[in-house]
């Protein structure tokens, strides 16, 4: 089984989104938060196997770990770190117990088909929009966009991409201005970094496509 440091970002992101749902996160998780969690997991838990990350949250949900505090709708790096550290302690204790030998032929390898996960990401977003008339709070927008682009559903020229970036920048600025008016808190400059802008442009492009598809 490969480790997190050997896994693609798309695979790790899939498990991050899955784990958020597992612990009952109902609030929004924007792409900036997902990127922060991705960097955090890769930096501090790179030697964990990718399936162990998933197992950690399954055990937390089943109340099998020592750490049992609720996230209170805040899926932060601190919360994820506490669960994974508790899981590592769980593994340490488990390793002290004698284990039954499992022949390699009977061991199951957990493989993630990236292409299938991209298609699932797109289908999930499309399904929610069709059924509820709104877009999901938590979704893998980058993978969904890549799927739509590869399938030829979305075709963007250089000018289209420039216009899209202008649109996204305008949305971010308006949102930050409104937040400052409402709360007095200044917006996060990280939202204007190239990595986040790229993700937000993909998200906006997919939203524009699905809305035009429905209205058309």
N, C-alpha and C. Protein backbone atom coordinates (compact mmCIF):
# COMPACT_ATOMS: atom_id res chain seq x y z
N UNK A 1 0.85 -1.20 0.00
CA UNK A 1 0.00 0.00 0.00
C UNK A 1 0.89 1.25 0.00
N UNK A 2 0.64 2.18 -0.90
CA UNK A 2 1.49 3.35 -1.00
C UNK A 2 1.21 4.36 0.11
N UNK A 3 2.23 5.15 0.40
CA UNK A 3 2.12 6.15 1.44
C UNK A 3 1.58 7.46 0.87
N UNK A 4 1.22 8.36 1.77
CA UNK A 4 0.70 9.66 1.35
C UNK A 4 1.71 10.39 0.47
N UNK A 5 2.98 10.30 0.84
CA UNK A 5 4.00 11.01 0.06
C UNK A 5 4.17 10.43 -1.34
N UNK A 6 3.66 9.24 -1.57
CA UNK A 6 3.73 8.60 -2.88
C UNK A 6 2.43 8.77 -3.67
N UNK A 7 1.44 9.40 -3.06
CA UNK A 7 0.11 9.54 -3.67
C UNK A 7 -0.02 10.86 -4.41
N UNK A 8 -0.91 10.89 -5.38
CA UNK A 8 -1.18 12.12 -6.11
C UNK A 8 -2.07 13.04 -5.27
N UNK A 9 -1.96 14.33 -5.52
CA UNK A 9 -2.78 15.30 -4.79
C UNK A 9 -4.27 15.00 -4.93
N UNK A 10 -4.67 14.51 -6.11
CA UNK A 10 -6.09 14.22 -6.35
C UNK A 10 -6.59 13.12 -5.42
N UNK A 11 -5.74 12.11 -5.18
CA UNK A 11 -6.12 11.02 -4.30
C UNK A 11 -6.25 11.52 -2.86
N UNK A 12 -5.27 12.30 -2.42
CA UNK A 12 -5.29 12.80 -1.04
C UNK A 12 -6.49 13.72 -0.83
N UNK A 13 -6.75 14.58 -1.81
CA UNK A 13 -7.90 15.50 -1.72
C UNK A 13 -9.20 14.73 -1.62
N UNK A 14 -9.31 13.64 -2.37
CA UNK A 14 -10.51 12.80 -2.31
C UNK A 14 -10.75 12.31 -0.88
N UNK A 15 -9.69 11.85 -0.22
CA UNK A 15 -9.84 11.33 1.14
C UNK A 15 -10.11 12.46 2.14
N UNK A 16 -9.56 13.64 1.90
CA UNK A 16 -9.83 14.78 2.77
C UNK A 16 -11.32 15.14 2.71
N UNK A 17 -11.87 15.21 1.51
CA UNK A 17 -13.29 15.53 1.35
C UNK A 17 -14.17 14.44 1.96
N UNK A 18 -13.77 13.19 1.74
CA UNK A 18 -14.53 12.07 2.28
C UNK A 18 -14.53 12.11 3.81
N UNK A 19 -13.37 12.40 4.41
CA UNK A 19 -13.27 12.41 5.87
C UNK A 19 -14.08 13.55 6.47
N UNK A 20 -14.18 14.68 5.76
CA UNK A 20 -14.99 15.80 6.25
C UNK A 20 -16.46 15.40 6.36
N UNK A 21 -16.92 14.70 5.35
CA UNK A 21 -18.31 14.24 5.35
C UNK A 21 -18.52 13.20 6.46
N UNK A 22 -17.53 12.32 6.65
CA UNK A 22 -17.63 11.26 7.66
C UNK A 22 -17.85 11.81 9.07
N UNK A 23 -17.21 12.94 9.36
CA UNK A 23 -17.32 13.49 10.72
C UNK A 23 -18.45 14.51 10.84
N UNK A 24 -19.26 14.65 9.77
CA UNK A 24 -20.46 15.48 9.87
C UNK A 24 -20.26 16.94 9.61
N UNK A 25 -19.27 17.30 8.79
CA UNK A 25 -19.06 18.70 8.47
C UNK A 25 -20.13 19.15 7.48
N UNK A 26 -20.96 20.07 7.90
CA UNK A 26 -22.04 20.55 7.04
C UNK A 26 -21.80 21.97 6.54
N UNK A 27 -20.84 22.66 7.13
CA UNK A 27 -20.54 24.02 6.70
C UNK A 27 -19.69 24.02 5.44
N UNK A 28 -19.34 25.20 4.95
CA UNK A 28 -18.59 25.28 3.71
C UNK A 28 -17.13 24.94 3.93
N UNK A 29 -16.54 24.32 2.92
CA UNK A 29 -15.10 24.10 2.89
C UNK A 29 -14.62 24.62 1.54
N UNK A 30 -14.04 25.80 1.53
CA UNK A 30 -13.64 26.37 0.24
C UNK A 30 -12.34 25.73 -0.24
N UNK A 31 -11.97 26.06 -1.46
CA UNK A 31 -10.79 25.44 -2.06
C UNK A 31 -9.51 25.84 -1.34
N UNK A 32 -9.48 27.03 -0.77
CA UNK A 32 -8.30 27.45 -0.01
C UNK A 32 -8.10 26.56 1.20
N UNK A 33 -9.19 26.25 1.91
CA UNK A 33 -9.12 25.36 3.06
C UNK A 33 -8.64 23.98 2.65
N UNK A 34 -9.17 23.47 1.54
CA UNK A 34 -8.76 22.15 1.05
C UNK A 34 -7.27 22.14 0.74
N UNK A 35 -6.77 23.20 0.11
CA UNK A 35 -5.35 23.28 -0.22
C UNK A 35 -4.48 23.33 1.04
N UNK A 36 -4.95 24.06 2.06
CA UNK A 36 -4.21 24.13 3.32
C UNK A 36 -4.15 22.76 4.00
N UNK A 37 -5.27 22.04 3.99
CA UNK A 37 -5.31 20.70 4.57
C UNK A 37 -4.43 19.74 3.79
N UNK A 38 -4.44 19.87 2.48
CA UNK A 38 -3.62 19.01 1.63
C UNK A 38 -2.14 19.21 1.94
N UNK A 39 -1.70 20.46 2.01
CA UNK A 39 -0.29 20.76 2.34
C UNK A 39 0.06 20.26 3.73
N UNK A 40 -0.86 20.42 4.67
CA UNK A 40 -0.63 20.01 6.05
C UNK A 40 -0.44 18.49 6.15
N UNK A 41 -1.33 17.75 5.53
CA UNK A 41 -1.26 16.29 5.58
C UNK A 41 0.01 15.78 4.90
N UNK A 42 0.37 16.38 3.76
CA UNK A 42 1.56 15.94 3.03
C UNK A 42 2.84 16.26 3.82
N UNK A 43 2.82 17.36 4.56
CA UNK A 43 4.03 17.78 5.29
C UNK A 43 4.25 16.97 6.55
N UNK A 44 3.19 16.73 7.33
CA UNK A 44 3.37 16.14 8.65
C UNK A 44 2.97 14.66 8.75
N UNK A 45 2.27 14.14 7.76
CA UNK A 45 1.81 12.75 7.84
C UNK A 45 2.13 11.99 6.55
N UNK A 46 3.22 12.38 5.91
CA UNK A 46 3.58 11.81 4.61
C UNK A 46 3.88 10.31 4.67
N UNK A 47 4.28 9.81 5.84
CA UNK A 47 4.64 8.40 5.95
C UNK A 47 3.46 7.49 6.28
N UNK A 48 2.30 8.09 6.53
CA UNK A 48 1.10 7.28 6.70
C UNK A 48 0.68 6.72 5.35
N UNK A 49 0.15 5.53 5.33
CA UNK A 49 -0.40 5.00 4.10
C UNK A 49 -1.72 5.72 3.81
N UNK A 50 -2.03 5.87 2.53
CA UNK A 50 -3.22 6.62 2.14
C UNK A 50 -4.49 6.00 2.72
N UNK A 51 -4.53 4.67 2.79
CA UNK A 51 -5.71 4.01 3.35
C UNK A 51 -5.78 4.18 4.86
N UNK A 52 -4.62 4.44 5.50
CA UNK A 52 -4.62 4.66 6.94
C UNK A 52 -5.24 6.00 7.29
N UNK A 53 -5.08 6.99 6.40
CA UNK A 53 -5.75 8.28 6.62
C UNK A 53 -7.26 8.05 6.70
N UNK A 54 -7.79 7.27 5.75
CA UNK A 54 -9.23 6.98 5.74
C UNK A 54 -9.63 6.20 6.99
N UNK A 55 -8.81 5.23 7.37
CA UNK A 55 -9.12 4.42 8.55
C UNK A 55 -9.16 5.26 9.83
N UNK A 56 -8.29 6.26 9.90
CA UNK A 56 -8.24 7.11 11.08
C UNK A 56 -9.58 7.78 11.33
N UNK A 57 -10.21 8.27 10.29
CA UNK A 57 -11.49 8.98 10.44
C UNK A 57 -12.65 8.01 10.63
N UNK A 58 -12.52 6.82 10.08
CA UNK A 58 -13.54 5.80 10.33
C UNK A 58 -13.53 5.40 11.81
N UNK A 59 -12.34 5.23 12.37
CA UNK A 59 -12.21 4.87 13.78
C UNK A 59 -12.68 6.01 14.68
N UNK A 60 -12.40 7.25 14.26
CA UNK A 60 -12.88 8.40 15.04
C UNK A 60 -14.40 8.43 15.05
N UNK A 61 -15.00 8.22 13.86
CA UNK A 61 -16.46 8.22 13.77
C UNK A 61 -17.08 7.10 14.60
N UNK A 62 -16.36 5.99 14.73
CA UNK A 62 -16.84 4.85 15.52
C UNK A 62 -16.47 4.97 17.00
N UNK A 63 -15.86 6.11 17.36
CA UNK A 63 -15.46 6.36 18.75
C UNK A 63 -14.46 5.33 19.27
N UNK A 64 -13.54 4.91 18.40
CA UNK A 64 -12.54 3.93 18.77
C UNK A 64 -11.18 4.55 19.13
N UNK A 65 -11.04 5.85 18.85
CA UNK A 65 -9.79 6.54 19.18
C UNK A 65 -9.91 7.21 20.55
N UNK A 66 -8.76 7.50 21.15
CA UNK A 66 -8.76 8.21 22.44
C UNK A 66 -9.32 9.63 22.26
N UNK A 67 -9.02 10.25 21.11
CA UNK A 67 -9.54 11.59 20.84
C UNK A 67 -10.98 11.48 20.37
N UNK A 68 -11.88 12.12 21.10
CA UNK A 68 -13.31 12.02 20.78
C UNK A 68 -14.01 13.37 20.69
N UNK A 69 -13.25 14.46 20.75
CA UNK A 69 -13.88 15.78 20.68
C UNK A 69 -14.55 16.00 19.33
N UNK A 70 -15.65 16.72 19.30
CA UNK A 70 -16.37 16.98 18.06
C UNK A 70 -15.75 18.17 17.31
N UNK A 71 -15.86 18.18 15.99
CA UNK A 71 -15.26 19.27 15.20
C UNK A 71 -16.01 20.59 15.30
N UNK A 72 -17.29 20.53 15.72
CA UNK A 72 -18.14 21.72 15.80
C UNK A 72 -18.12 22.50 14.48
N UNK A 73 -18.26 21.73 13.39
CA UNK A 73 -18.33 22.29 12.04
C UNK A 73 -17.09 23.08 11.64
N UNK A 74 -15.94 22.71 12.23
CA UNK A 74 -14.70 23.39 11.91
C UNK A 74 -13.64 22.35 11.57
N UNK A 75 -13.52 22.04 10.30
CA UNK A 75 -12.58 21.01 9.84
C UNK A 75 -11.23 21.66 9.58
N UNK A 76 -10.49 21.92 10.64
CA UNK A 76 -9.23 22.66 10.55
C UNK A 76 -8.03 21.72 10.57
N UNK A 77 -6.84 22.28 10.33
CA UNK A 77 -5.62 21.48 10.41
C UNK A 77 -5.40 20.97 11.83
N UNK A 78 -5.80 21.75 12.82
CA UNK A 78 -5.66 21.32 14.22
C UNK A 78 -6.51 20.09 14.48
N UNK A 79 -7.76 20.13 14.02
CA UNK A 79 -8.67 19.01 14.23
C UNK A 79 -8.15 17.75 13.52
N UNK A 80 -7.74 17.90 12.27
CA UNK A 80 -7.20 16.76 11.51
C UNK A 80 -5.95 16.21 12.18
N UNK A 81 -5.08 17.11 12.66
CA UNK A 81 -3.86 16.68 13.33
C UNK A 81 -4.14 15.89 14.60
N UNK A 82 -5.14 16.32 15.36
CA UNK A 82 -5.49 15.62 16.60
C UNK A 82 -6.00 14.21 16.30
N UNK A 83 -6.79 14.07 15.26
CA UNK A 83 -7.29 12.74 14.89
C UNK A 83 -6.16 11.84 14.42
N UNK A 84 -5.30 12.35 13.55
CA UNK A 84 -4.23 11.53 13.01
C UNK A 84 -3.19 11.16 14.09
N UNK A 85 -2.96 12.07 15.02
CA UNK A 85 -2.04 11.75 16.12
C UNK A 85 -2.64 10.68 17.03
N UNK A 86 -3.94 10.80 17.27
CA UNK A 86 -4.63 9.79 18.07
C UNK A 86 -4.61 8.44 17.36
N UNK A 87 -4.73 8.49 16.04
CA UNK A 87 -4.69 7.26 15.26
C UNK A 87 -3.30 6.61 15.33
N UNK A 88 -2.26 7.41 15.28
CA UNK A 88 -0.90 6.88 15.37
C UNK A 88 -0.67 6.21 16.72
N UNK A 89 -1.26 6.77 17.76
CA UNK A 89 -1.17 6.14 19.08
C UNK A 89 -1.96 4.84 19.10
N UNK A 90 -3.08 4.84 18.41
CA UNK A 90 -3.90 3.62 18.27
C UNK A 90 -3.09 2.52 17.59
N UNK A 91 -2.36 2.89 16.54
CA UNK A 91 -1.52 1.92 15.83
C UNK A 91 -0.40 1.40 16.72
N UNK A 92 0.19 2.32 17.51
CA UNK A 92 1.29 1.91 18.40
C UNK A 92 0.81 0.85 19.39
N UNK A 93 -0.37 1.08 19.95
CA UNK A 93 -0.91 0.11 20.90
C UNK A 93 -1.27 -1.20 20.21
N UNK A 94 -1.80 -1.09 18.98
CA UNK A 94 -2.18 -2.29 18.25
C UNK A 94 -0.97 -3.14 17.89
N UNK A 95 0.16 -2.47 17.64
CA UNK A 95 1.38 -3.19 17.28
C UNK A 95 1.96 -3.99 18.44
N UNK A 96 1.52 -3.67 19.66
CA UNK A 96 2.00 -4.40 20.83
C UNK A 96 1.29 -5.75 20.96
N UNK A 97 0.17 -5.90 20.24
CA UNK A 97 -0.60 -7.15 20.32
C UNK A 97 -0.11 -8.12 19.25
N UNK A 98 -0.12 -9.42 19.54
CA UNK A 98 0.26 -10.41 18.52
C UNK A 98 -0.71 -10.39 17.34
N UNK A 99 -0.18 -10.53 16.14
CA UNK A 99 -1.02 -10.45 14.94
C UNK A 99 -1.04 -11.79 14.20
N UNK A 100 -2.17 -12.10 13.61
CA UNK A 100 -2.28 -13.30 12.79
C UNK A 100 -1.63 -13.03 11.42
N UNK A 101 -0.97 -14.01 10.89
CA UNK A 101 -0.31 -13.86 9.60
C UNK A 101 -1.34 -13.93 8.47
N UNK A 102 -1.28 -12.94 7.54
CA UNK A 102 -2.17 -12.92 6.38
C UNK A 102 -1.30 -13.10 5.14
N UNK A 103 -1.48 -14.19 4.41
CA UNK A 103 -0.70 -14.42 3.19
C UNK A 103 -0.88 -13.27 2.21
N UNK A 104 0.19 -12.90 1.49
CA UNK A 104 0.09 -11.81 0.51
C UNK A 104 -1.04 -11.99 -0.50
N UNK A 105 -1.33 -13.26 -0.85
CA UNK A 105 -2.38 -13.53 -1.84
C UNK A 105 -3.76 -13.14 -1.33
N UNK A 106 -3.90 -13.01 0.01
CA UNK A 106 -5.20 -12.68 0.60
C UNK A 106 -5.30 -11.21 0.99
N UNK A 107 -4.21 -10.47 0.81
CA UNK A 107 -4.22 -9.05 1.15
C UNK A 107 -4.84 -8.26 0.01
N UNK A 108 -5.68 -7.29 0.36
CA UNK A 108 -6.39 -6.49 -0.63
C UNK A 108 -5.74 -5.12 -0.73
N UNK A 109 -5.38 -4.74 -1.94
CA UNK A 109 -4.78 -3.43 -2.15
C UNK A 109 -5.86 -2.42 -2.49
N UNK A 110 -5.83 -1.30 -1.80
CA UNK A 110 -6.85 -0.26 -2.01
C UNK A 110 -6.35 0.72 -3.06
N UNK A 111 -6.83 0.58 -4.28
CA UNK A 111 -6.40 1.44 -5.37
C UNK A 111 -7.49 2.46 -5.69
N UNK A 112 -7.06 3.68 -5.99
CA UNK A 112 -7.99 4.72 -6.38
C UNK A 112 -7.84 4.97 -7.87
N UNK A 113 -8.91 4.79 -8.61
CA UNK A 113 -8.90 5.08 -10.03
C UNK A 113 -9.18 6.57 -10.21
N UNK A 114 -8.14 7.31 -10.56
CA UNK A 114 -8.24 8.77 -10.61
C UNK A 114 -9.28 9.22 -11.63
N UNK A 115 -9.29 8.57 -12.80
CA UNK A 115 -10.26 8.95 -13.84
C UNK A 115 -11.69 8.76 -13.35
N UNK A 116 -11.93 7.66 -12.66
CA UNK A 116 -13.27 7.40 -12.13
C UNK A 116 -13.66 8.42 -11.07
N UNK A 117 -12.70 8.78 -10.23
CA UNK A 117 -12.98 9.76 -9.18
C UNK A 117 -13.29 11.13 -9.77
N UNK A 118 -12.62 11.48 -10.86
CA UNK A 118 -12.91 12.75 -11.54
C UNK A 118 -14.33 12.74 -12.08
N UNK A 119 -14.71 11.63 -12.70
CA UNK A 119 -16.07 11.52 -13.24
C UNK A 119 -17.11 11.57 -12.13
N UNK A 120 -16.81 10.91 -11.01
CA UNK A 120 -17.72 10.93 -9.87
C UNK A 120 -17.87 12.35 -9.32
N UNK A 121 -16.75 13.09 -9.28
CA UNK A 121 -16.79 14.47 -8.79
C UNK A 121 -17.71 15.32 -9.65
N UNK A 122 -17.59 15.15 -10.98
CA UNK A 122 -18.45 15.91 -11.90
C UNK A 122 -19.91 15.50 -11.76
N UNK A 123 -20.16 14.20 -11.75
CA UNK A 123 -21.53 13.70 -11.65
C UNK A 123 -22.20 14.13 -10.35
N UNK A 124 -21.42 14.18 -9.27
CA UNK A 124 -21.97 14.59 -7.98
C UNK A 124 -22.43 16.04 -8.03
N UNK A 125 -21.58 16.92 -8.55
CA UNK A 125 -21.93 18.34 -8.63
C UNK A 125 -23.14 18.55 -9.54
N UNK A 126 -23.14 17.88 -10.68
CA UNK A 126 -24.26 18.00 -11.63
C UNK A 126 -25.56 17.49 -11.01
N UNK A 127 -25.49 16.39 -10.30
CA UNK A 127 -26.67 15.79 -9.68
C UNK A 127 -27.28 16.71 -8.62
N UNK A 128 -26.42 17.25 -7.76
CA UNK A 128 -26.90 18.15 -6.70
C UNK A 128 -27.55 19.39 -7.32
N UNK A 129 -26.93 19.94 -8.35
CA UNK A 129 -27.48 21.15 -8.98
C UNK A 129 -28.83 20.86 -9.65
N UNK A 130 -28.94 19.70 -10.30
CA UNK A 130 -30.20 19.35 -10.96
C UNK A 130 -31.32 19.13 -9.95
N UNK A 131 -30.98 18.50 -8.83
CA UNK A 131 -32.01 18.13 -7.84
C UNK A 131 -32.38 19.28 -6.91
N UNK A 132 -31.40 20.12 -6.56
CA UNK A 132 -31.64 21.16 -5.56
C UNK A 132 -31.60 22.58 -6.11
N UNK A 133 -31.11 22.72 -7.35
CA UNK A 133 -31.02 24.06 -7.92
C UNK A 133 -29.92 24.90 -7.32
N UNK A 134 -29.02 24.27 -6.59
CA UNK A 134 -27.87 24.97 -6.02
C UNK A 134 -26.68 24.03 -6.03
N UNK A 135 -25.49 24.59 -5.84
CA UNK A 135 -24.29 23.79 -5.91
C UNK A 135 -23.86 23.31 -4.53
N UNK A 136 -23.21 22.14 -4.46
CA UNK A 136 -22.82 21.59 -3.15
C UNK A 136 -21.80 22.45 -2.44
N UNK A 137 -21.85 22.44 -1.13
CA UNK A 137 -20.90 23.21 -0.32
C UNK A 137 -19.51 22.59 -0.39
N UNK A 138 -19.47 21.26 -0.29
CA UNK A 138 -18.20 20.56 -0.34
C UNK A 138 -18.15 19.71 -1.60
N UNK A 139 -17.16 19.96 -2.45
CA UNK A 139 -17.02 19.19 -3.69
C UNK A 139 -15.59 19.32 -4.21
N UNK A 140 -15.20 18.37 -5.02
CA UNK A 140 -13.88 18.40 -5.64
C UNK A 140 -14.00 19.09 -7.00
N UNK A 141 -13.98 20.41 -6.98
CA UNK A 141 -14.23 21.21 -8.17
C UNK A 141 -13.13 21.04 -9.22
N UNK A 142 -11.89 20.94 -8.79
CA UNK A 142 -10.79 20.82 -9.75
C UNK A 142 -10.90 19.55 -10.58
N UNK A 143 -11.14 18.43 -9.90
CA UNK A 143 -11.28 17.16 -10.62
C UNK A 143 -12.49 17.18 -11.55
N UNK A 144 -13.58 17.76 -11.08
CA UNK A 144 -14.80 17.84 -11.89
C UNK A 144 -14.55 18.67 -13.15
N UNK A 145 -13.82 19.77 -13.00
CA UNK A 145 -13.51 20.63 -14.15
C UNK A 145 -12.63 19.89 -15.15
N UNK A 146 -11.60 19.22 -14.64
CA UNK A 146 -10.68 18.49 -15.53
C UNK A 146 -11.44 17.44 -16.33
N UNK A 147 -12.37 16.76 -15.65
CA UNK A 147 -13.19 15.76 -16.36
C UNK A 147 -13.99 16.42 -17.48
N UNK A 148 -14.63 17.54 -17.17
CA UNK A 148 -15.45 18.24 -18.17
C UNK A 148 -14.60 18.74 -19.33
N UNK A 149 -13.39 19.18 -19.02
CA UNK A 149 -12.50 19.69 -20.07
C UNK A 149 -12.00 18.55 -20.96
N UNK A 150 -11.61 17.45 -20.34
CA UNK A 150 -11.12 16.29 -21.10
C UNK A 150 -12.21 15.75 -22.02
N UNK A 151 -13.45 15.75 -21.53
CA UNK A 151 -14.58 15.23 -22.30
C UNK A 151 -15.08 16.23 -23.35
N UNK A 152 -14.50 17.42 -23.38
CA UNK A 152 -14.88 18.42 -24.37
C UNK A 152 -16.14 19.17 -24.02
N UNK A 153 -16.60 19.03 -22.78
CA UNK A 153 -17.81 19.76 -22.36
C UNK A 153 -17.51 21.24 -22.17
N UNK A 154 -16.30 21.52 -21.72
CA UNK A 154 -15.86 22.91 -21.52
C UNK A 154 -14.66 23.17 -22.42
N UNK A 155 -14.76 24.19 -23.24
CA UNK A 155 -13.66 24.57 -24.12
C UNK A 155 -13.39 26.06 -23.94
N UNK A 156 -12.23 26.39 -23.43
CA UNK A 156 -11.91 27.78 -23.12
C UNK A 156 -10.76 28.28 -24.00
N UNK A 157 -10.98 29.40 -24.65
CA UNK A 157 -9.92 30.04 -25.41
C UNK A 157 -9.06 30.87 -24.45
N UNK A 158 -7.99 31.43 -24.96
CA UNK A 158 -7.13 32.29 -24.13
C UNK A 158 -7.93 33.48 -23.62
N UNK A 159 -8.74 34.08 -24.47
CA UNK A 159 -9.57 35.22 -24.06
C UNK A 159 -10.62 34.81 -23.04
N UNK A 160 -11.18 33.60 -23.22
CA UNK A 160 -12.16 33.09 -22.26
C UNK A 160 -11.53 32.97 -20.87
N UNK A 161 -10.31 32.47 -20.83
CA UNK A 161 -9.61 32.28 -19.56
C UNK A 161 -9.31 33.62 -18.89
N UNK A 162 -8.96 34.62 -19.70
CA UNK A 162 -8.69 35.95 -19.16
C UNK A 162 -9.96 36.56 -18.59
N UNK A 163 -11.06 36.43 -19.32
CA UNK A 163 -12.35 36.95 -18.85
C UNK A 163 -12.79 36.24 -17.57
N UNK A 164 -12.54 34.93 -17.53
CA UNK A 164 -12.92 34.14 -16.36
C UNK A 164 -12.14 34.59 -15.13
N UNK A 165 -10.85 34.86 -15.31
CA UNK A 165 -10.01 35.32 -14.19
C UNK A 165 -10.50 36.67 -13.67
N UNK A 166 -10.88 37.55 -14.58
CA UNK A 166 -11.41 38.86 -14.18
C UNK A 166 -12.70 38.68 -13.39
N UNK A 167 -13.55 37.78 -13.83
CA UNK A 167 -14.81 37.50 -13.15
C UNK A 167 -14.56 36.97 -11.73
N UNK A 168 -13.62 36.04 -11.61
CA UNK A 168 -13.30 35.44 -10.31
C UNK A 168 -12.70 36.48 -9.36
N UNK A 169 -11.81 37.30 -9.86
CA UNK A 169 -11.21 38.35 -9.03
C UNK A 169 -12.28 39.30 -8.52
N UNK A 170 -13.23 39.63 -9.38
CA UNK A 170 -14.33 40.52 -8.99
C UNK A 170 -15.17 39.88 -7.89
N UNK A 171 -15.44 38.58 -8.00
CA UNK A 171 -16.24 37.87 -6.99
C UNK A 171 -15.53 37.86 -5.65
N UNK A 172 -14.22 37.57 -5.68
CA UNK A 172 -13.43 37.51 -4.44
C UNK A 172 -13.40 38.88 -3.76
N UNK A 173 -13.15 39.92 -4.55
CA UNK A 173 -13.09 41.28 -3.99
C UNK A 173 -14.43 41.68 -3.38
N UNK A 174 -15.52 41.37 -4.08
CA UNK A 174 -16.86 41.72 -3.58
C UNK A 174 -17.16 40.96 -2.28
N UNK A 175 -16.78 39.67 -2.24
CA UNK A 175 -17.03 38.86 -1.05
C UNK A 175 -16.22 39.38 0.14
N UNK A 176 -14.96 39.73 -0.11
CA UNK A 176 -14.13 40.24 0.98
C UNK A 176 -14.62 41.60 1.47
N UNK A 177 -15.07 42.44 0.54
CA UNK A 177 -15.60 43.75 0.93
C UNK A 177 -16.84 43.59 1.80
N UNK A 178 -17.73 42.69 1.40
CA UNK A 178 -18.95 42.46 2.16
C UNK A 178 -18.63 41.91 3.54
N UNK A 179 -17.65 41.01 3.61
CA UNK A 179 -17.25 40.44 4.90
C UNK A 179 -16.70 41.52 5.82
N UNK A 180 -15.93 42.43 5.25
CA UNK A 180 -15.36 43.50 6.07
C UNK A 180 -16.44 44.45 6.57
N UNK A 181 -17.44 44.71 5.71
CA UNK A 181 -18.56 45.58 6.12
C UNK A 181 -19.39 44.92 7.21
N UNK A 182 -19.55 43.60 7.12
CA UNK A 182 -20.39 42.88 8.06
C UNK A 182 -19.69 42.59 9.39
N UNK A 183 -18.39 42.27 9.31
CA UNK A 183 -17.67 41.81 10.51
C UNK A 183 -16.49 42.68 10.92
N UNK A 184 -16.04 43.53 10.00
CA UNK A 184 -14.86 44.35 10.30
C UNK A 184 -13.56 43.60 10.09
N UNK A 185 -13.65 42.34 9.62
CA UNK A 185 -12.46 41.52 9.41
C UNK A 185 -11.97 41.68 7.98
N UNK A 186 -10.68 41.94 7.85
CA UNK A 186 -10.08 42.12 6.54
C UNK A 186 -9.96 40.78 5.83
N UNK A 187 -10.14 40.77 4.52
CA UNK A 187 -10.07 39.54 3.74
C UNK A 187 -8.67 38.93 3.73
N UNK A 188 -8.61 37.64 3.42
CA UNK A 188 -7.36 36.90 3.38
C UNK A 188 -6.67 37.11 2.04
N UNK A 189 -5.44 37.60 2.06
CA UNK A 189 -4.71 37.86 0.81
C UNK A 189 -4.37 36.58 0.08
N UNK A 190 -4.39 35.44 0.79
CA UNK A 190 -4.08 34.16 0.15
C UNK A 190 -5.08 33.81 -0.95
N UNK A 191 -6.27 34.41 -0.87
CA UNK A 191 -7.29 34.13 -1.89
C UNK A 191 -6.86 34.61 -3.27
N UNK A 192 -5.89 35.54 -3.31
CA UNK A 192 -5.44 36.09 -4.58
C UNK A 192 -4.18 35.41 -5.11
N UNK A 193 -3.71 34.40 -4.40
CA UNK A 193 -2.53 33.67 -4.86
C UNK A 193 -2.89 32.83 -6.08
N UNK A 194 -1.89 32.57 -6.92
CA UNK A 194 -2.12 31.90 -8.20
C UNK A 194 -2.80 30.54 -8.03
N UNK A 195 -2.36 29.76 -7.03
CA UNK A 195 -2.92 28.43 -6.83
C UNK A 195 -4.41 28.47 -6.54
N UNK A 196 -4.81 29.39 -5.66
CA UNK A 196 -6.24 29.49 -5.33
C UNK A 196 -7.03 30.06 -6.49
N UNK A 197 -6.47 31.05 -7.19
CA UNK A 197 -7.18 31.63 -8.34
C UNK A 197 -7.43 30.57 -9.41
N UNK A 198 -6.47 29.69 -9.60
CA UNK A 198 -6.62 28.62 -10.59
C UNK A 198 -7.80 27.72 -10.23
N UNK A 199 -7.87 27.35 -8.95
CA UNK A 199 -8.96 26.48 -8.49
C UNK A 199 -10.30 27.20 -8.61
N UNK A 200 -10.33 28.47 -8.22
CA UNK A 200 -11.57 29.23 -8.26
C UNK A 200 -12.05 29.45 -9.70
N UNK A 201 -11.09 29.61 -10.61
CA UNK A 201 -11.47 29.77 -12.03
C UNK A 201 -12.08 28.48 -12.55
N UNK A 202 -11.53 27.36 -12.15
CA UNK A 202 -12.09 26.07 -12.56
C UNK A 202 -13.51 25.90 -12.02
N UNK A 203 -13.67 26.29 -10.77
CA UNK A 203 -14.99 26.18 -10.15
C UNK A 203 -16.00 27.07 -10.86
N UNK A 204 -15.61 28.31 -11.12
CA UNK A 204 -16.53 29.25 -11.76
C UNK A 204 -16.85 28.80 -13.18
N UNK A 205 -15.86 28.27 -13.89
CA UNK A 205 -16.09 27.79 -15.26
C UNK A 205 -17.11 26.66 -15.27
N UNK A 206 -16.99 25.75 -14.31
CA UNK A 206 -17.92 24.63 -14.23
C UNK A 206 -19.32 25.10 -13.85
N UNK A 207 -19.40 26.06 -12.93
CA UNK A 207 -20.70 26.62 -12.54
C UNK A 207 -21.36 27.30 -13.75
N UNK A 208 -20.57 28.09 -14.47
CA UNK A 208 -21.10 28.77 -15.66
C UNK A 208 -21.62 27.76 -16.68
N UNK A 209 -20.86 26.69 -16.87
CA UNK A 209 -21.26 25.66 -17.85
C UNK A 209 -22.57 25.00 -17.45
N UNK A 210 -22.65 24.54 -16.20
CA UNK A 210 -23.85 23.83 -15.75
C UNK A 210 -25.07 24.73 -15.72
N UNK A 211 -24.87 26.00 -15.37
CA UNK A 211 -26.00 26.94 -15.39
C UNK A 211 -26.49 27.21 -16.82
N UNK A 212 -25.56 27.38 -17.74
CA UNK A 212 -25.94 27.64 -19.13
C UNK A 212 -26.58 26.39 -19.75
N UNK A 213 -26.10 25.21 -19.33
CA UNK A 213 -26.65 23.95 -19.83
C UNK A 213 -28.10 23.80 -19.39
N UNK A 214 -28.37 24.16 -18.13
CA UNK A 214 -29.72 24.05 -17.58
C UNK A 214 -30.65 25.10 -18.17
N UNK A 215 -30.16 26.34 -18.24
CA UNK A 215 -31.00 27.43 -18.76
C UNK A 215 -31.21 27.33 -20.26
N UNK A 216 -30.22 26.72 -20.92
CA UNK A 216 -30.32 26.60 -22.38
C UNK A 216 -31.28 25.51 -22.77
